[in-house]
Amino acid sequence: MAKKDLYNLLGVSQTATEQEIREAYLKKIEQCNLTNRSNDSELQKKCLRITEAYEILSDMDKRALYDIRGIKRKTSKVKTTNKVDTKKIKSVRNILNNLFLFGSAITVILFVVNIITGNSTPFYWACGVSLTLKITEYTLRLFS
């Protein structure tokens, strides 16, 4: 599905509130129930897609993932098209985590030095580097 298909399916904007999404879903599913008297498989599929769209857009975590990635993410195993890339990303994340831990230890030492000497510049630099490493690692989580 394209990025905005779930929103279009329910007839809401990307900035819709939870209440607006719920109201749109109830209206659409009521229409499905009224017109679903026959065994029309196409209509049944559309009703299932509407329910799926509501399940994703009504859950804030699933909605955020959908908005960021532009795709539906199943709660079961996620299929990856290129396993080598995800392995590389995971190894880079592991390296960044180790650097972060090392940087945290240095930051603690520099904090003690800051208390003793009163020179806070190295401590602030170490905090900035550690924070940058962690933000980079969290960003890479989006791609793995």
N, C-alpha and C. Protein backbone atom coordinates (compact mmCIF):
# COMPACT_ATOMS: atom_id res chain seq x y z
N MET A 1 0.84 -1.19 0.00
CA MET A 1 0.00 0.00 0.00
C MET A 1 0.87 1.24 0.00
N ALA A 2 0.42 2.26 -0.67
CA ALA A 2 1.13 3.52 -0.66
C ALA A 2 0.97 4.19 0.69
N LYS A 3 1.74 5.21 0.90
CA LYS A 3 1.81 5.81 2.23
C LYS A 3 0.47 6.29 2.77
N LYS A 4 -0.36 6.89 1.96
CA LYS A 4 -1.60 7.48 2.46
C LYS A 4 -2.83 6.61 2.21
N ASP A 5 -2.65 5.40 1.74
CA ASP A 5 -3.79 4.56 1.39
C ASP A 5 -4.70 4.26 2.57
N LEU A 6 -4.15 4.01 3.74
CA LEU A 6 -4.99 3.70 4.89
C LEU A 6 -5.84 4.90 5.28
N TYR A 7 -5.26 6.08 5.19
CA TYR A 7 -6.02 7.29 5.50
C TYR A 7 -7.13 7.50 4.47
N ASN A 8 -6.80 7.29 3.20
CA ASN A 8 -7.80 7.44 2.14
C ASN A 8 -8.90 6.40 2.27
N LEU A 9 -8.52 5.20 2.66
CA LEU A 9 -9.49 4.12 2.81
C LEU A 9 -10.55 4.47 3.86
N LEU A 10 -10.11 5.10 4.94
CA LEU A 10 -11.06 5.52 5.98
C LEU A 10 -11.66 6.89 5.69
N GLY A 11 -11.07 7.62 4.77
CA GLY A 11 -11.59 8.94 4.43
C GLY A 11 -11.23 10.00 5.45
N VAL A 12 -10.03 9.90 6.03
CA VAL A 12 -9.56 10.89 7.01
C VAL A 12 -8.22 11.44 6.56
N SER A 13 -7.83 12.56 7.15
CA SER A 13 -6.53 13.14 6.83
C SER A 13 -5.46 12.53 7.73
N GLN A 14 -4.20 12.78 7.40
CA GLN A 14 -3.10 12.25 8.21
C GLN A 14 -3.04 12.90 9.58
N THR A 15 -3.68 14.03 9.74
CA THR A 15 -3.68 14.72 11.03
C THR A 15 -4.94 14.42 11.84
N ALA A 16 -5.69 13.43 11.42
CA ALA A 16 -6.95 13.10 12.09
C ALA A 16 -6.71 12.63 13.53
N THR A 17 -7.62 13.00 14.40
CA THR A 17 -7.53 12.57 15.79
C THR A 17 -8.04 11.14 15.93
N GLU A 18 -7.83 10.56 17.10
CA GLU A 18 -8.31 9.20 17.34
C GLU A 18 -9.83 9.14 17.21
N GLN A 19 -10.50 10.18 17.68
CA GLN A 19 -11.97 10.21 17.60
C GLN A 19 -12.44 10.28 16.16
N GLU A 20 -11.79 11.08 15.34
CA GLU A 20 -12.16 11.19 13.93
C GLU A 20 -11.94 9.86 13.21
N ILE A 21 -10.85 9.19 13.53
CA ILE A 21 -10.56 7.89 12.92
C ILE A 21 -11.62 6.88 13.33
N ARG A 22 -11.98 6.88 14.60
CA ARG A 22 -12.99 5.95 15.10
C ARG A 22 -14.35 6.20 14.43
N GLU A 23 -14.75 7.46 14.33
CA GLU A 23 -16.03 7.80 13.71
C GLU A 23 -16.05 7.40 12.24
N ALA A 24 -14.94 7.66 11.53
CA ALA A 24 -14.87 7.29 10.12
C ALA A 24 -14.93 5.77 9.96
N TYR A 25 -14.24 5.06 10.85
CA TYR A 25 -14.27 3.59 10.78
C TYR A 25 -15.68 3.06 11.02
N LEU A 26 -16.35 3.57 12.05
CA LEU A 26 -17.71 3.10 12.36
C LEU A 26 -18.66 3.37 11.20
N LYS A 27 -18.50 4.52 10.55
CA LYS A 27 -19.36 4.86 9.41
C LYS A 27 -19.09 3.91 8.24
N LYS A 28 -17.81 3.67 7.95
CA LYS A 28 -17.45 2.78 6.83
C LYS A 28 -17.88 1.34 7.11
N ILE A 29 -17.66 0.87 8.33
CA ILE A 29 -17.98 -0.52 8.63
C ILE A 29 -19.49 -0.73 8.68
N GLU A 30 -20.23 0.33 9.05
CA GLU A 30 -21.69 0.24 9.04
C GLU A 30 -22.18 0.11 7.59
N GLN A 31 -21.58 0.88 6.69
CA GLN A 31 -21.93 0.76 5.28
C GLN A 31 -21.62 -0.63 4.75
N CYS A 32 -20.48 -1.19 5.18
CA CYS A 32 -20.13 -2.56 4.77
C CYS A 32 -21.16 -3.55 5.27
N ASN A 33 -21.57 -3.40 6.50
CA ASN A 33 -22.53 -4.33 7.08
C ASN A 33 -23.90 -4.22 6.40
N LEU A 34 -24.29 -3.00 6.03
CA LEU A 34 -25.58 -2.82 5.37
C LEU A 34 -25.59 -3.40 3.96
N THR A 35 -24.46 -3.24 3.24
CA THR A 35 -24.42 -3.70 1.85
C THR A 35 -23.87 -5.11 1.72
N ASN A 36 -23.41 -5.70 2.78
CA ASN A 36 -22.78 -7.02 2.73
C ASN A 36 -23.80 -8.13 2.95
N ARG A 37 -24.95 -8.02 2.37
CA ARG A 37 -25.98 -9.06 2.49
C ARG A 37 -25.65 -10.26 1.60
N SER A 38 -24.97 -10.02 0.50
CA SER A 38 -24.64 -11.11 -0.42
C SER A 38 -23.24 -11.64 -0.10
N ASN A 39 -22.81 -12.59 -0.87
CA ASN A 39 -21.48 -13.17 -0.69
C ASN A 39 -20.49 -12.53 -1.66
N ASP A 40 -20.50 -11.24 -1.75
CA ASP A 40 -19.60 -10.51 -2.63
C ASP A 40 -18.20 -10.52 -2.03
N SER A 41 -17.29 -11.28 -2.61
CA SER A 41 -15.95 -11.42 -2.04
C SER A 41 -15.16 -10.12 -2.12
N GLU A 42 -15.39 -9.33 -3.17
CA GLU A 42 -14.68 -8.06 -3.30
C GLU A 42 -15.08 -7.10 -2.18
N LEU A 43 -16.35 -7.07 -1.86
CA LEU A 43 -16.84 -6.21 -0.78
C LEU A 43 -16.31 -6.70 0.57
N GLN A 44 -16.25 -7.99 0.75
CA GLN A 44 -15.72 -8.55 1.99
C GLN A 44 -14.24 -8.19 2.16
N LYS A 45 -13.49 -8.24 1.06
CA LYS A 45 -12.08 -7.86 1.11
C LYS A 45 -11.92 -6.38 1.48
N LYS A 46 -12.79 -5.54 0.92
CA LYS A 46 -12.74 -4.11 1.23
C LYS A 46 -13.04 -3.88 2.71
N CYS A 47 -14.02 -4.60 3.25
CA CYS A 47 -14.36 -4.47 4.67
C CYS A 47 -13.20 -4.91 5.55
N LEU A 48 -12.51 -5.96 5.14
CA LEU A 48 -11.33 -6.42 5.89
C LEU A 48 -10.22 -5.37 5.84
N ARG A 49 -10.02 -4.74 4.68
CA ARG A 49 -9.01 -3.69 4.58
C ARG A 49 -9.38 -2.49 5.45
N ILE A 50 -10.65 -2.16 5.53
CA ILE A 50 -11.10 -1.06 6.39
C ILE A 50 -10.81 -1.38 7.85
N THR A 51 -11.10 -2.61 8.26
CA THR A 51 -10.83 -3.02 9.63
C THR A 51 -9.33 -3.00 9.91
N GLU A 52 -8.53 -3.47 8.97
CA GLU A 52 -7.08 -3.46 9.12
C GLU A 52 -6.56 -2.03 9.22
N ALA A 53 -7.09 -1.14 8.39
CA ALA A 53 -6.69 0.27 8.44
C ALA A 53 -7.00 0.86 9.80
N TYR A 54 -8.15 0.54 10.34
CA TYR A 54 -8.53 1.06 11.66
C TYR A 54 -7.60 0.51 12.74
N GLU A 55 -7.28 -0.77 12.66
CA GLU A 55 -6.40 -1.37 13.66
C GLU A 55 -5.03 -0.70 13.66
N ILE A 56 -4.54 -0.34 12.51
CA ILE A 56 -3.23 0.31 12.43
C ILE A 56 -3.31 1.77 12.86
N LEU A 57 -4.30 2.51 12.34
CA LEU A 57 -4.36 3.95 12.62
C LEU A 57 -4.86 4.26 14.03
N SER A 58 -5.57 3.33 14.66
CA SER A 58 -6.06 3.61 16.02
C SER A 58 -5.02 3.30 17.08
N ASP A 59 -4.00 2.52 16.75
CA ASP A 59 -2.91 2.22 17.68
C ASP A 59 -1.77 3.20 17.40
N MET A 60 -1.40 4.00 18.38
CA MET A 60 -0.42 5.08 18.16
C MET A 60 0.94 4.55 17.70
N ASP A 61 1.38 3.41 18.24
CA ASP A 61 2.67 2.87 17.83
C ASP A 61 2.64 2.38 16.38
N LYS A 62 1.59 1.64 16.04
CA LYS A 62 1.46 1.14 14.66
C LYS A 62 1.29 2.30 13.68
N ARG A 63 0.56 3.31 14.10
CA ARG A 63 0.34 4.48 13.23
C ARG A 63 1.65 5.22 13.00
N ALA A 64 2.44 5.36 14.05
CA ALA A 64 3.73 6.04 13.90
C ALA A 64 4.64 5.27 12.95
N LEU A 65 4.68 3.96 13.08
CA LEU A 65 5.48 3.15 12.16
C LEU A 65 4.97 3.28 10.73
N TYR A 66 3.67 3.27 10.58
CA TYR A 66 3.08 3.41 9.25
C TYR A 66 3.42 4.78 8.66
N ASP A 67 3.34 5.82 9.47
CA ASP A 67 3.64 7.17 8.98
C ASP A 67 5.12 7.30 8.60
N ILE A 68 5.99 6.68 9.38
CA ILE A 68 7.43 6.80 9.13
C ILE A 68 7.84 5.96 7.92
N ARG A 69 7.41 4.72 7.90
CA ARG A 69 7.85 3.80 6.85
C ARG A 69 6.96 3.82 5.63
N GLY A 70 5.72 4.24 5.80
CA GLY A 70 4.80 4.29 4.67
C GLY A 70 4.29 2.94 4.25
N ILE A 71 4.47 1.96 5.09
CA ILE A 71 3.99 0.62 4.78
C ILE A 71 3.31 0.04 5.99
N LYS A 72 2.53 -0.99 5.75
CA LYS A 72 1.92 -1.70 6.87
C LYS A 72 2.97 -2.60 7.46
N ARG A 73 2.98 -2.71 8.77
CA ARG A 73 3.90 -3.61 9.43
C ARG A 73 3.11 -4.64 10.20
N LYS A 74 3.28 -5.87 9.85
CA LYS A 74 2.58 -6.94 10.53
C LYS A 74 3.19 -7.13 11.90
N THR A 75 2.39 -7.61 12.84
CA THR A 75 2.91 -7.86 14.17
C THR A 75 3.71 -9.14 14.22
N SER A 76 3.52 -10.01 13.23
CA SER A 76 4.33 -11.22 13.16
C SER A 76 5.67 -10.89 12.52
N LYS A 77 6.35 -11.89 11.99
CA LYS A 77 7.66 -11.66 11.41
C LYS A 77 7.57 -10.70 10.23
N VAL A 78 8.51 -9.74 10.20
CA VAL A 78 8.56 -8.78 9.12
C VAL A 78 9.48 -9.33 8.05
N LYS A 79 9.00 -9.35 6.82
CA LYS A 79 9.82 -9.85 5.73
C LYS A 79 10.80 -8.78 5.32
N THR A 80 12.05 -9.17 5.18
CA THR A 80 13.06 -8.24 4.71
C THR A 80 13.52 -8.72 3.34
N THR A 81 13.70 -7.79 2.44
CA THR A 81 14.08 -8.15 1.09
C THR A 81 15.58 -8.37 0.98
N ASN A 82 16.36 -7.71 1.83
CA ASN A 82 17.80 -7.82 1.75
C ASN A 82 18.35 -8.09 3.14
N LYS A 83 18.59 -9.35 3.45
CA LYS A 83 19.03 -9.73 4.79
C LYS A 83 20.45 -9.24 5.07
N VAL A 84 21.27 -9.07 4.05
CA VAL A 84 22.64 -8.62 4.26
C VAL A 84 22.64 -7.21 4.83
N ASP A 85 21.79 -6.35 4.30
CA ASP A 85 21.73 -4.97 4.78
C ASP A 85 21.31 -4.90 6.24
N THR A 86 20.32 -5.69 6.64
CA THR A 86 19.88 -5.64 8.03
C THR A 86 20.95 -6.20 8.95
N LYS A 87 21.70 -7.18 8.49
CA LYS A 87 22.81 -7.70 9.31
C LYS A 87 23.88 -6.63 9.49
N LYS A 88 24.17 -5.90 8.41
CA LYS A 88 25.17 -4.82 8.50
C LYS A 88 24.69 -3.72 9.44
N ILE A 89 23.42 -3.37 9.33
CA ILE A 89 22.87 -2.33 10.19
C ILE A 89 22.92 -2.77 11.64
N LYS A 90 22.59 -4.03 11.91
CA LYS A 90 22.64 -4.52 13.28
C LYS A 90 24.06 -4.53 13.82
N SER A 91 25.03 -4.86 12.98
CA SER A 91 26.42 -4.84 13.46
C SER A 91 26.87 -3.40 13.73
N VAL A 92 26.46 -2.46 12.90
CA VAL A 92 26.79 -1.05 13.15
C VAL A 92 26.13 -0.58 14.45
N ARG A 93 24.86 -0.99 14.66
CA ARG A 93 24.18 -0.63 15.91
C ARG A 93 24.90 -1.20 17.11
N ASN A 94 25.40 -2.43 16.99
CA ASN A 94 26.13 -3.04 18.08
C ASN A 94 27.41 -2.26 18.39
N ILE A 95 28.13 -1.86 17.35
CA ILE A 95 29.34 -1.06 17.53
C ILE A 95 29.00 0.27 18.20
N LEU A 96 27.92 0.93 17.74
CA LEU A 96 27.52 2.21 18.34
C LEU A 96 27.14 2.04 19.80
N ASN A 97 26.47 0.93 20.14
CA ASN A 97 26.12 0.68 21.54
C ASN A 97 27.37 0.50 22.40
N ASN A 98 28.36 -0.23 21.87
CA ASN A 98 29.60 -0.41 22.61
C ASN A 98 30.34 0.91 22.80
N LEU A 99 30.37 1.73 21.74
CA LEU A 99 30.99 3.06 21.86
C LEU A 99 30.24 3.92 22.87
N PHE A 100 28.92 3.81 22.88
CA PHE A 100 28.12 4.57 23.84
C PHE A 100 28.47 4.16 25.27
N LEU A 101 28.58 2.86 25.50
CA LEU A 101 28.94 2.39 26.84
C LEU A 101 30.33 2.87 27.25
N PHE A 102 31.26 2.81 26.30
CA PHE A 102 32.61 3.31 26.57
C PHE A 102 32.57 4.81 26.85
N GLY A 103 31.80 5.54 26.04
CA GLY A 103 31.67 6.98 26.24
C GLY A 103 31.00 7.32 27.57
N SER A 104 30.07 6.47 28.00
CA SER A 104 29.41 6.69 29.29
C SER A 104 30.40 6.56 30.43
N ALA A 105 31.29 5.57 30.33
CA ALA A 105 32.31 5.40 31.37
C ALA A 105 33.24 6.61 31.41
N ILE A 106 33.63 7.10 30.24
CA ILE A 106 34.48 8.29 30.19
C ILE A 106 33.75 9.51 30.74
N THR A 107 32.46 9.61 30.45
CA THR A 107 31.66 10.73 30.95
C THR A 107 31.61 10.72 32.48
N VAL A 108 31.49 9.56 33.08
CA VAL A 108 31.48 9.47 34.53
C VAL A 108 32.82 9.93 35.11
N ILE A 109 33.91 9.51 34.48
CA ILE A 109 35.24 9.94 34.94
C ILE A 109 35.38 11.45 34.81
N LEU A 110 34.93 11.99 33.67
CA LEU A 110 35.03 13.44 33.46
C LEU A 110 34.12 14.21 34.41
N PHE A 111 33.02 13.62 34.83
CA PHE A 111 32.15 14.26 35.80
C PHE A 111 32.88 14.40 37.15
N VAL A 112 33.58 13.36 37.53
CA VAL A 112 34.34 13.42 38.78
C VAL A 112 35.45 14.46 38.66
N VAL A 113 36.13 14.49 37.51
CA VAL A 113 37.16 15.49 37.28
C VAL A 113 36.57 16.89 37.32
N ASN A 114 35.35 17.04 36.77
CA ASN A 114 34.65 18.32 36.77
C ASN A 114 34.39 18.78 38.20
N ILE A 115 33.98 17.88 39.06
CA ILE A 115 33.71 18.23 40.46
C ILE A 115 35.00 18.66 41.16
N ILE A 116 36.08 17.95 40.88
CA ILE A 116 37.35 18.25 41.56
C ILE A 116 37.98 19.53 41.03
N THR A 117 38.05 19.69 39.71
CA THR A 117 38.78 20.82 39.12
C THR A 117 37.89 22.01 38.78
N GLY A 118 36.63 21.76 38.53
CA GLY A 118 35.73 22.85 38.15
C GLY A 118 35.72 23.12 36.65
N ASN A 119 36.47 22.36 35.86
CA ASN A 119 36.50 22.53 34.41
C ASN A 119 35.45 21.61 33.80
N SER A 120 34.36 22.18 33.32
CA SER A 120 33.25 21.35 32.85
C SER A 120 33.25 21.11 31.34
N THR A 121 34.10 21.76 30.58
CA THR A 121 34.07 21.63 29.12
C THR A 121 34.26 20.19 28.64
N PRO A 122 35.27 19.43 29.12
CA PRO A 122 35.41 18.05 28.64
C PRO A 122 34.18 17.19 28.97
N PHE A 123 33.58 17.44 30.12
CA PHE A 123 32.40 16.68 30.53
C PHE A 123 31.25 16.94 29.55
N TYR A 124 31.03 18.20 29.19
CA TYR A 124 29.95 18.52 28.25
C TYR A 124 30.22 17.94 26.86
N TRP A 125 31.48 17.95 26.42
CA TRP A 125 31.82 17.34 25.14
C TRP A 125 31.52 15.84 25.15
N ALA A 126 31.90 15.19 26.25
CA ALA A 126 31.66 13.74 26.35
C ALA A 126 30.17 13.44 26.36
N CYS A 127 29.38 14.26 27.03
CA CYS A 127 27.92 14.08 27.03
C CYS A 127 27.35 14.24 25.63
N GLY A 128 27.83 15.23 24.91
CA GLY A 128 27.35 15.46 23.54
C GLY A 128 27.68 14.31 22.60
N VAL A 129 28.90 13.79 22.72
CA VAL A 129 29.30 12.67 21.87
C VAL A 129 28.47 11.44 22.20
N SER A 130 28.27 11.16 23.49
CA SER A 130 27.47 10.00 23.89
C SER A 130 26.04 10.13 23.39
N LEU A 131 25.48 11.30 23.52
CA LEU A 131 24.11 11.53 23.05
C LEU A 131 24.00 11.35 21.54
N THR A 132 24.97 11.86 20.80
CA THR A 132 24.99 11.72 19.35
C THR A 132 25.06 10.25 18.94
N LEU A 133 25.89 9.48 19.63
CA LEU A 133 25.99 8.05 19.34
C LEU A 133 24.66 7.35 19.57
N LYS A 134 24.00 7.67 20.66
CA LYS A 134 22.74 7.01 20.99
C LYS A 134 21.64 7.39 20.01
N ILE A 135 21.57 8.65 19.63
CA ILE A 135 20.57 9.09 18.66
C ILE A 135 20.79 8.39 17.32
N THR A 136 22.06 8.26 16.91
CA THR A 136 22.37 7.57 15.66
C THR A 136 21.94 6.11 15.73
N GLU A 137 22.19 5.47 16.87
CA GLU A 137 21.78 4.07 17.04
C GLU A 137 20.28 3.92 16.98
N TYR A 138 19.56 4.82 17.63
CA TYR A 138 18.08 4.77 17.60
C TYR A 138 17.57 5.02 16.19
N THR A 139 18.20 5.89 15.44
CA THR A 139 17.78 6.16 14.08
C THR A 139 17.96 4.91 13.21
N LEU A 140 19.05 4.19 13.43
CA LEU A 140 19.29 2.97 12.66
C LEU A 140 18.26 1.88 12.98
N ARG A 141 17.64 1.96 14.12
CA ARG A 141 16.58 0.99 14.46
C ARG A 141 15.42 1.08 13.47
N LEU A 142 15.21 2.24 12.90
CA LEU A 142 14.13 2.41 11.94
C LEU A 142 14.34 1.58 10.67
N PHE A 143 15.60 1.27 10.38
CA PHE A 143 15.92 0.57 9.15
C PHE A 143 16.20 -0.91 9.34
N SER A 144 16.14 -1.38 10.56
CA SER A 144 16.41 -2.81 10.77
C SER A 144 15.19 -3.52 11.29
